Amino acid sequence: MSVAATNIGHPRNRFFVPTVAKQCWGFMIGSAFFALGSAPGLSEALGSTGSNLLFFIGAWFFTTAGLIQLFLSGAMAVPVSYAPGRMVRAEWLAAATQSFGTLLFNVSTTSALYAKSVSAQERLVWNPDAGGSVGFLVSGVLAFVAYAHVSQLWEPSKRAWWSVAINFVGCVAFGISAVGSYILSSGNVVNGSLANYGTFIGAICFLLASLIVLPQWDRRAPSARVSAETG
């Protein structure tokens, strides 16, 4: 056995190996921070500084999970049988657009910590936030396309289908939040309640979308497996 092969099995190296479980936990933890920062009542108590700090932390978990998802999505393109050339896979494209959206959220949430002028808030906070929300919306639609390629478009009996559907609702909610947080020339937002509730609902949806597809749910206890096989 080579040295490289031996090192791969080391626990410290396995920590950096991307897995679906790590992807799910990354999105769940990031969503929890966004939910706390926008939760009705709590966001008022925290103030804009406290909420922005929670969003900043949550965005990094989003970005990490998004990169893991992109890595696990597989090859970018596959050969097409009906014509020469290659076609970009919907699964990869969905992961790529969502990952790009998380990077824009990093820019937005980081800038929100120090941007003071109206022009800076619009350019460095709202614009990236709106761009990230559009990226999430596109990825939400592409996730349905990718799911339809391997299964049926309407399949509510499957947890994976519910994950895609709930994720899409979260993407729409984040988009609505971006509309509500548009910065006016006065420095105020169009609708603060819409911005907060959109972020809160979207965060809860993203948390649930990852929670229901955690690989742990597929690991049945040995006693339950034996019972099912002999029953």
C-alpha atoms as a PDB file:
ATOM      1  CA  MET A   1       0.000   0.000   0.000  1.00  0.00           C
ATOM      2  CA  SER A   2       1.357   3.412  -0.960  1.00  0.00           C
ATOM      3  CA  VAL A   3       1.940   6.252   1.486  1.00  0.00           C
ATOM      4  CA  ALA A   4      -0.733   8.328  -0.251  1.00  0.00           C
ATOM      5  CA  ALA A   5      -3.286   5.552   0.146  1.00  0.00           C
ATOM      6  CA  THR A   6      -2.385   5.202   3.814  1.00  0.00           C
ATOM      7  CA  ASN A   7      -2.806   8.929   4.452  1.00  0.00           C
ATOM      8  CA  ILE A   8      -6.266   8.996   2.894  1.00  0.00           C
ATOM      9  CA  GLY A   9      -7.592   6.738   5.628  1.00  0.00           C
ATOM     10  CA  HIS A  10      -6.192   8.898   8.422  1.00  0.00           C
ATOM     11  CA  PRO A  11      -8.969  10.555  10.509  1.00  0.00           C
ATOM     12  CA  ARG A  12      -7.429  14.014  10.089  1.00  0.00           C
ATOM     13  CA  ASN A  13      -7.535  13.689   6.316  1.00  0.00           C
ATOM     14  CA  ARG A  14     -11.081  12.310   6.284  1.00  0.00           C
ATOM     15  CA  PHE A  15     -12.186  15.530   7.978  1.00  0.00           C
ATOM     16  CA  PHE A  16     -11.493  17.395   4.722  1.00  0.00           C
ATOM     17  CA  VAL A  17     -13.163  14.837   2.463  1.00  0.00           C
ATOM     18  CA  PRO A  18     -16.407  16.344   1.079  1.00  0.00           C
ATOM     19  CA  THR A  19     -19.504  14.301   1.890  1.00  0.00           C
ATOM     20  CA  VAL A  20     -23.247  14.765   1.597  1.00  0.00           C
ATOM     21  CA  ALA A  21     -23.498  14.830   5.398  1.00  0.00           C
ATOM     22  CA  LYS A  22     -21.029  17.714   5.624  1.00  0.00           C
ATOM     23  CA  GLN A  23     -22.895  19.525   2.862  1.00  0.00           C
ATOM     24  CA  CYS A  24     -26.194  19.151   4.709  1.00  0.00           C
ATOM     25  CA  TRP A  25     -24.767  20.228   8.052  1.00  0.00           C
ATOM     26  CA  GLY A  26     -23.093  23.226   6.450  1.00  0.00           C
ATOM     27  CA  PHE A  27     -26.375  24.441   4.976  1.00  0.00           C
ATOM     28  CA  MET A  28     -28.239  23.663   8.200  1.00  0.00           C
ATOM     29  CA  ILE A  29     -25.819  25.568  10.435  1.00  0.00           C
ATOM     30  CA  GLY A  30     -25.657  28.488   8.017  1.00  0.00           C
ATOM     31  CA  SER A  31     -29.449  28.550   7.820  1.00  0.00           C
ATOM     32  CA  ALA A  32     -29.694  28.540  11.612  1.00  0.00           C
ATOM     33  CA  PHE A  33     -27.546  31.669  11.812  1.00  0.00           C
ATOM     34  CA  PHE A  34     -29.665  33.402   9.156  1.00  0.00           C
ATOM     35  CA  ALA A  35     -32.856  32.341  10.943  1.00  0.00           C
ATOM     36  CA  LEU A  36     -31.601  33.688  14.275  1.00  0.00           C
ATOM     37  CA  GLY A  37     -30.520  36.974  12.715  1.00  0.00           C
ATOM     38  CA  SER A  38     -33.930  37.545  11.128  1.00  0.00           C
ATOM     39  CA  ALA A  39     -36.235  35.878  13.668  1.00  0.00           C
ATOM     40  CA  PRO A  40     -39.249  38.064  14.590  1.00  0.00           C
ATOM     41  CA  GLY A  41     -38.563  39.746  17.906  1.00  0.00           C
ATOM     42  CA  LEU A  42     -35.009  38.468  18.204  1.00  0.00           C
ATOM     43  CA  SER A  43     -33.743  40.538  15.272  1.00  0.00           C
ATOM     44  CA  GLU A  44     -35.089  43.690  16.923  1.00  0.00           C
ATOM     45  CA  ALA A  45     -33.369  42.773  20.195  1.00  0.00           C
ATOM     46  CA  LEU A  46     -30.073  42.072  18.448  1.00  0.00           C
ATOM     47  CA  GLY A  47     -30.166  45.233  16.372  1.00  0.00           C
ATOM     48  CA  SER A  48     -28.694  45.578  12.909  1.00  0.00           C
ATOM     49  CA  THR A  49     -25.127  44.999  14.150  1.00  0.00           C
ATOM     50  CA  GLY A  50     -25.983  41.722  15.878  1.00  0.00           C
ATOM     51  CA  SER A  51     -28.079  40.452  12.975  1.00  0.00           C
ATOM     52  CA  ASN A  52     -25.427  41.387  10.423  1.00  0.00           C
ATOM     53  CA  LEU A  53     -22.805  39.508  12.440  1.00  0.00           C
ATOM     54  CA  LEU A  54     -24.978  36.374  12.473  1.00  0.00           C
ATOM     55  CA  PHE A  55     -25.563  36.702   8.719  1.00  0.00           C
ATOM     56  CA  PHE A  56     -21.808  37.091   8.191  1.00  0.00           C
ATOM     57  CA  ILE A  57     -21.080  33.855  10.073  1.00  0.00           C
ATOM     58  CA  GLY A  58     -23.936  31.983   8.422  1.00  0.00           C
ATOM     59  CA  ALA A  59     -22.801  33.005   4.946  1.00  0.00           C
ATOM     60  CA  TRP A  60     -19.462  31.244   5.435  1.00  0.00           C
ATOM     61  CA  PHE A  61     -21.216  27.995   6.299  1.00  0.00           C
ATOM     62  CA  PHE A  62     -23.362  28.494   3.182  1.00  0.00           C
ATOM     63  CA  THR A  63     -20.254  28.988   1.058  1.00  0.00           C
ATOM     64  CA  THR A  64     -18.516  25.917   2.465  1.00  0.00           C
ATOM     65  CA  ALA A  65     -21.619  23.770   1.909  1.00  0.00           C
ATOM     66  CA  GLY A  66     -22.067  25.191  -1.585  1.00  0.00           C
ATOM     67  CA  LEU A  67     -18.506  24.295  -2.557  1.00  0.00           C
ATOM     68  CA  ILE A  68     -18.978  20.776  -1.191  1.00  0.00           C
ATOM     69  CA  GLN A  69     -22.196  20.465  -3.191  1.00  0.00           C
ATOM     70  CA  LEU A  70     -20.407  21.637  -6.333  1.00  0.00           C
ATOM     71  CA  PHE A  71     -17.598  19.129  -5.780  1.00  0.00           C
ATOM     72  CA  LEU A  72     -20.068  16.281  -5.242  1.00  0.00           C
ATOM     73  CA  SER A  73     -22.207  17.213  -8.259  1.00  0.00           C
ATOM     74  CA  GLY A  74     -19.827  15.358 -10.571  1.00  0.00           C
ATOM     75  CA  ALA A  75     -18.585  16.229 -14.031  1.00  0.00           C
ATOM     76  CA  MET A  76     -19.591  19.560 -15.501  1.00  0.00           C
ATOM     77  CA  ALA A  77     -20.618  18.150 -18.883  1.00  0.00           C
ATOM     78  CA  VAL A  78     -21.391  14.825 -20.540  1.00  0.00           C
ATOM     79  CA  PRO A  79     -21.320  13.719 -24.183  1.00  0.00           C
ATOM     80  CA  VAL A  80     -24.634  13.932 -26.030  1.00  0.00           C
ATOM     81  CA  SER A  81     -25.751  10.951 -28.073  1.00  0.00           C
ATOM     82  CA  TYR A  82     -27.818  12.836 -30.647  1.00  0.00           C
ATOM     83  CA  ALA A  83     -25.121  15.311 -31.750  1.00  0.00           C
ATOM     84  CA  PRO A  84     -21.351  15.796 -31.497  1.00  0.00           C
ATOM     85  CA  GLY A  85     -20.203  17.748 -28.487  1.00  0.00           C
ATOM     86  CA  ARG A  86     -20.948  17.874 -24.793  1.00  0.00           C
ATOM     87  CA  MET A  87     -23.870  19.179 -22.721  1.00  0.00           C
ATOM     88  CA  VAL A  88     -23.636  20.872 -19.324  1.00  0.00           C
ATOM     89  CA  ARG A  89     -25.373  18.766 -16.680  1.00  0.00           C
ATOM     90  CA  ALA A  90     -28.299  20.368 -14.863  1.00  0.00           C
ATOM     91  CA  GLU A  91     -27.111  18.987 -11.515  1.00  0.00           C
ATOM     92  CA  TRP A  92     -23.699  20.607 -11.886  1.00  0.00           C
ATOM     93  CA  LEU A  93     -25.216  23.855 -13.140  1.00  0.00           C
ATOM     94  CA  ALA A  94     -27.623  23.988 -10.191  1.00  0.00           C
ATOM     95  CA  ALA A  95     -24.745  23.478  -7.753  1.00  0.00           C
ATOM     96  CA  ALA A  96     -22.566  26.025  -9.565  1.00  0.00           C
ATOM     97  CA  THR A  97     -25.196  28.783  -9.564  1.00  0.00           C
ATOM     98  CA  GLN A  98     -26.008  28.171  -5.908  1.00  0.00           C
ATOM     99  CA  SER A  99     -22.316  28.188  -5.005  1.00  0.00           C
ATOM    100  CA  PHE A 100     -21.878  31.462  -6.894  1.00  0.00           C
ATOM    101  CA  GLY A 101     -24.852  32.855  -4.990  1.00  0.00           C
ATOM    102  CA  THR A 102     -23.246  31.949  -1.663  1.00  0.00           C
ATOM    103  CA  LEU A 103     -20.081  33.837  -2.661  1.00  0.00           C
ATOM    104  CA  LEU A 104     -22.171  36.925  -3.389  1.00  0.00           C
ATOM    105  CA  PHE A 105     -23.810  36.567   0.026  1.00  0.00           C
ATOM    106  CA  ASN A 106     -20.294  36.567   1.500  1.00  0.00           C
ATOM    107  CA  VAL A 107     -19.634  39.909  -0.171  1.00  0.00           C
ATOM    108  CA  SER A 108     -22.981  41.310   0.973  1.00  0.00           C
ATOM    109  CA  THR A 109     -22.803  40.152   4.586  1.00  0.00           C
ATOM    110  CA  THR A 110     -19.171  41.222   4.963  1.00  0.00           C
ATOM    111  CA  SER A 111     -19.869  44.662   3.532  1.00  0.00           C
ATOM    112  CA  ALA A 112     -22.895  45.077   5.801  1.00  0.00           C
ATOM    113  CA  LEU A 113     -20.546  45.090   8.806  1.00  0.00           C
ATOM    114  CA  TYR A 114     -18.762  48.288   7.761  1.00  0.00           C
ATOM    115  CA  ALA A 115     -20.673  50.011   4.915  1.00  0.00           C
ATOM    116  CA  LYS A 116     -22.123  53.264   6.247  1.00  0.00           C
ATOM    117  CA  SER A 117     -23.031  55.479   3.297  1.00  0.00           C
ATOM    118  CA  VAL A 118     -26.138  54.880   1.214  1.00  0.00           C
ATOM    119  CA  SER A 119     -24.101  54.407  -1.959  1.00  0.00           C
ATOM    120  CA  ALA A 120     -21.817  51.862  -0.269  1.00  0.00           C
ATOM    121  CA  GLN A 121     -24.776  49.946   1.134  1.00  0.00           C
ATOM    122  CA  GLU A 122     -26.438  49.840  -2.279  1.00  0.00           C
ATOM    123  CA  ARG A 123     -23.287  48.889  -4.181  1.00  0.00           C
ATOM    124  CA  LEU A 124     -21.658  46.505  -1.718  1.00  0.00           C
ATOM    125  CA  VAL A 125     -24.594  45.180   0.313  1.00  0.00           C
ATOM    126  CA  TRP A 126     -27.795  45.206  -1.717  1.00  0.00           C
ATOM    127  CA  ASN A 127     -26.397  44.520  -5.188  1.00  0.00           C
ATOM    128  CA  PRO A 128     -24.507  41.346  -4.174  1.00  0.00           C
ATOM    129  CA  ASP A 129     -27.459  40.268  -2.025  1.00  0.00           C
ATOM    130  CA  ALA A 130     -29.816  40.655  -4.988  1.00  0.00           C
ATOM    131  CA  GLY A 131     -27.351  38.834  -7.249  1.00  0.00           C
ATOM    132  CA  GLY A 132     -27.025  35.990  -4.759  1.00  0.00           C
ATOM    133  CA  SER A 133     -30.807  35.725  -4.511  1.00  0.00           C
ATOM    134  CA  VAL A 134     -31.084  35.506  -8.307  1.00  0.00           C
ATOM    135  CA  GLY A 135     -28.398  32.804  -8.288  1.00  0.00           C
ATOM    136  CA  PHE A 136     -30.384  30.851  -5.701  1.00  0.00           C
ATOM    137  CA  LEU A 137     -33.590  31.205  -7.741  1.00  0.00           C
ATOM    138  CA  VAL A 138     -31.886  29.908 -10.882  1.00  0.00           C
ATOM    139  CA  SER A 139     -30.362  27.016  -8.928  1.00  0.00           C
ATOM    140  CA  GLY A 140     -33.777  26.190  -7.446  1.00  0.00           C
ATOM    141  CA  VAL A 141     -35.287  25.838 -10.911  1.00  0.00           C
ATOM    142  CA  LEU A 142     -32.314  23.837 -12.193  1.00  0.00           C
ATOM    143  CA  ALA A 143     -32.589  21.510  -9.200  1.00  0.00           C
ATOM    144  CA  PHE A 144     -36.066  20.524 -10.419  1.00  0.00           C
ATOM    145  CA  VAL A 145     -34.654  19.953 -13.913  1.00  0.00           C
ATOM    146  CA  ALA A 146     -31.874  17.786 -12.503  1.00  0.00           C
ATOM    147  CA  TYR A 147     -34.329  15.813 -10.385  1.00  0.00           C
ATOM    148  CA  ALA A 148     -36.610  15.239 -13.378  1.00  0.00           C
ATOM    149  CA  HIS A 149     -33.680  13.732 -15.289  1.00  0.00           C
ATOM    150  CA  VAL A 150     -33.297  10.916 -12.764  1.00  0.00           C
ATOM    151  CA  SER A 151     -36.850  10.572 -11.509  1.00  0.00           C
ATOM    152  CA  GLN A 152     -40.323  12.087 -11.956  1.00  0.00           C
ATOM    153  CA  LEU A 153     -41.022  15.814 -11.738  1.00  0.00           C
ATOM    154  CA  TRP A 154     -43.935  15.153  -9.345  1.00  0.00           C
ATOM    155  CA  GLU A 155     -42.915  12.621  -6.706  1.00  0.00           C
ATOM    156  CA  PRO A 156     -44.088  13.786  -3.243  1.00  0.00           C
ATOM    157  CA  SER A 157     -43.590  10.306  -1.789  1.00  0.00           C
ATOM    158  CA  LYS A 158     -39.799  10.827  -1.909  1.00  0.00           C
ATOM    159  CA  ARG A 159     -37.821  12.810   0.655  1.00  0.00           C
ATOM    160  CA  ALA A 160     -35.444  14.000  -2.059  1.00  0.00           C
ATOM    161  CA  TRP A 161     -38.354  15.556  -3.967  1.00  0.00           C
ATOM    162  CA  TRP A 162     -39.509  17.396  -0.856  1.00  0.00           C
ATOM    163  CA  SER A 163     -35.962  18.640  -0.332  1.00  0.00           C
ATOM    164  CA  VAL A 164     -35.909  20.121  -3.840  1.00  0.00           C
ATOM    165  CA  ALA A 165     -39.377  21.638  -3.418  1.00  0.00           C
ATOM    166  CA  ILE A 166     -38.677  23.162   0.010  1.00  0.00           C
ATOM    167  CA  ASN A 167     -35.339  24.458  -1.230  1.00  0.00           C
ATOM    168  CA  PHE A 168     -37.140  26.228  -4.096  1.00  0.00           C
ATOM    169  CA  VAL A 169     -39.567  27.876  -1.656  1.00  0.00           C
ATOM    170  CA  GLY A 170     -36.545  29.080   0.307  1.00  0.00           C
ATOM    171  CA  CYS A 171     -35.011  30.525  -2.863  1.00  0.00           C
ATOM    172  CA  VAL A 172     -38.227  32.423  -3.600  1.00  0.00           C
ATOM    173  CA  ALA A 173     -38.335  33.706  -0.011  1.00  0.00           C
ATOM    174  CA  PHE A 174     -34.750  34.982  -0.263  1.00  0.00           C
ATOM    175  CA  GLY A 175     -35.690  36.704  -3.519  1.00  0.00           C
ATOM    176  CA  ILE A 176     -38.638  38.416  -1.819  1.00  0.00           C
ATOM    177  CA  SER A 177     -36.317  39.431   1.007  1.00  0.00           C
ATOM    178  CA  ALA A 178     -33.963  41.077  -1.499  1.00  0.00           C
ATOM    179  CA  VAL A 179     -36.878  43.102  -2.913  1.00  0.00           C
ATOM    180  CA  GLY A 180     -37.905  44.212   0.570  1.00  0.00           C
ATOM    181  CA  SER A 181     -34.354  45.215   1.479  1.00  0.00           C
ATOM    182  CA  TYR A 182     -33.857  47.499  -1.525  1.00  0.00           C
ATOM    183  CA  ILE A 183     -32.184  50.651  -0.234  1.00  0.00           C
ATOM    184  CA  LEU A 184     -33.910  53.959  -0.935  1.00  0.00           C
ATOM    185  CA  SER A 185     -32.089  57.272  -1.377  1.00  0.00           C
ATOM    186  CA  SER A 186     -33.023  58.100   2.221  1.00  0.00           C
ATOM    187  CA  GLY A 187     -31.040  55.106   3.449  1.00  0.00           C
ATOM    188  CA  ASN A 188     -34.143  53.196   4.503  1.00  0.00           C
ATOM    189  CA  VAL A 189     -35.233  49.910   2.966  1.00  0.00           C
ATOM    190  CA  VAL A 190     -38.439  49.461   0.970  1.00  0.00           C
ATOM    191  CA  ASN A 191     -39.999  47.108   3.504  1.00  0.00           C
ATOM    192  CA  GLY A 192     -38.052  45.953   6.533  1.00  0.00           C
ATOM    193  CA  SER A 193     -40.678  43.424   7.582  1.00  0.00           C
ATOM    194  CA  LEU A 194     -40.665  41.847   4.127  1.00  0.00           C
ATOM    195  CA  ALA A 195     -36.889  41.659   4.186  1.00  0.00           C
ATOM    196  CA  ASN A 196     -36.768  40.035   7.635  1.00  0.00           C
ATOM    197  CA  TYR A 197     -39.635  37.597   7.115  1.00  0.00           C
ATOM    198  CA  GLY A 198     -38.317  36.624   3.688  1.00  0.00           C
ATOM    199  CA  THR A 199     -34.895  35.877   5.148  1.00  0.00           C
ATOM    200  CA  PHE A 200     -36.370  33.998   8.107  1.00  0.00           C
ATOM    201  CA  ILE A 201     -38.712  31.836   6.003  1.00  0.00           C
ATOM    202  CA  GLY A 202     -35.978  31.168   3.451  1.00  0.00           C
ATOM    203  CA  ALA A 203     -33.518  30.143   6.158  1.00  0.00           C
ATOM    204  CA  ILE A 204     -36.022  27.761   7.741  1.00  0.00           C
ATOM    205  CA  CYS A 205     -36.725  26.236   4.320  1.00  0.00           C
ATOM    206  CA  PHE A 206     -33.026  25.709   3.597  1.00  0.00           C
ATOM    207  CA  LEU A 207     -32.563  24.122   7.010  1.00  0.00           C
ATOM    208  CA  LEU A 208     -35.465  21.714   6.443  1.00  0.00           C
ATOM    209  CA  ALA A 209     -34.392  20.941   2.866  1.00  0.00           C
ATOM    210  CA  SER A 210     -31.036  19.693   4.143  1.00  0.00           C
ATOM    211  CA  LEU A 211     -32.389  18.096   7.304  1.00  0.00           C
ATOM    212  CA  ILE A 212     -34.755  15.704   5.520  1.00  0.00           C
ATOM    213  CA  VAL A 213     -32.023  14.325   3.239  1.00  0.00           C
ATOM    214  CA  LEU A 214     -29.349  13.777   5.886  1.00  0.00           C
ATOM    215  CA  PRO A 215     -27.674  10.431   5.137  1.00  0.00           C
ATOM    216  CA  GLN A 216     -28.236   9.449   8.763  1.00  0.00           C
ATOM    217  CA  TRP A 217     -31.947   8.870   8.045  1.00  0.00           C
ATOM    218  CA  ASP A 218     -31.003   6.062   5.638  1.00  0.00           C
ATOM    219  CA  ARG A 219     -28.953   4.207   8.219  1.00  0.00           C
ATOM    220  CA  ARG A 220     -31.425   1.849   9.815  1.00  0.00           C
ATOM    221  CA  ALA A 221     -30.594   0.151  13.081  1.00  0.00           C
ATOM    222  CA  PRO A 222     -29.437  -3.474  12.669  1.00  0.00           C
ATOM    223  CA  SER A 223     -32.345  -4.745  14.791  1.00  0.00           C
ATOM    224  CA  ALA A 224     -34.848  -2.859  12.658  1.00  0.00           C
ATOM    225  CA  ARG A 225     -33.238  -4.201   9.487  1.00  0.00           C
ATOM    226  CA  VAL A 226     -33.369  -7.806  10.724  1.00  0.00           C
ATOM    227  CA  SER A 227     -36.982  -7.343  11.791  1.00  0.00           C
ATOM    228  CA  ALA A 228     -37.919  -6.024   8.359  1.00  0.00           C
ATOM    229  CA  GLU A 229     -36.150  -8.877   6.604  1.00  0.00           C
ATOM    230  CA  THR A 230     -37.714 -11.630   8.732  1.00  0.00           C
ATOM    231  CA  GLY A 231     -41.152 -10.081   9.172  1.00  0.00           C
END
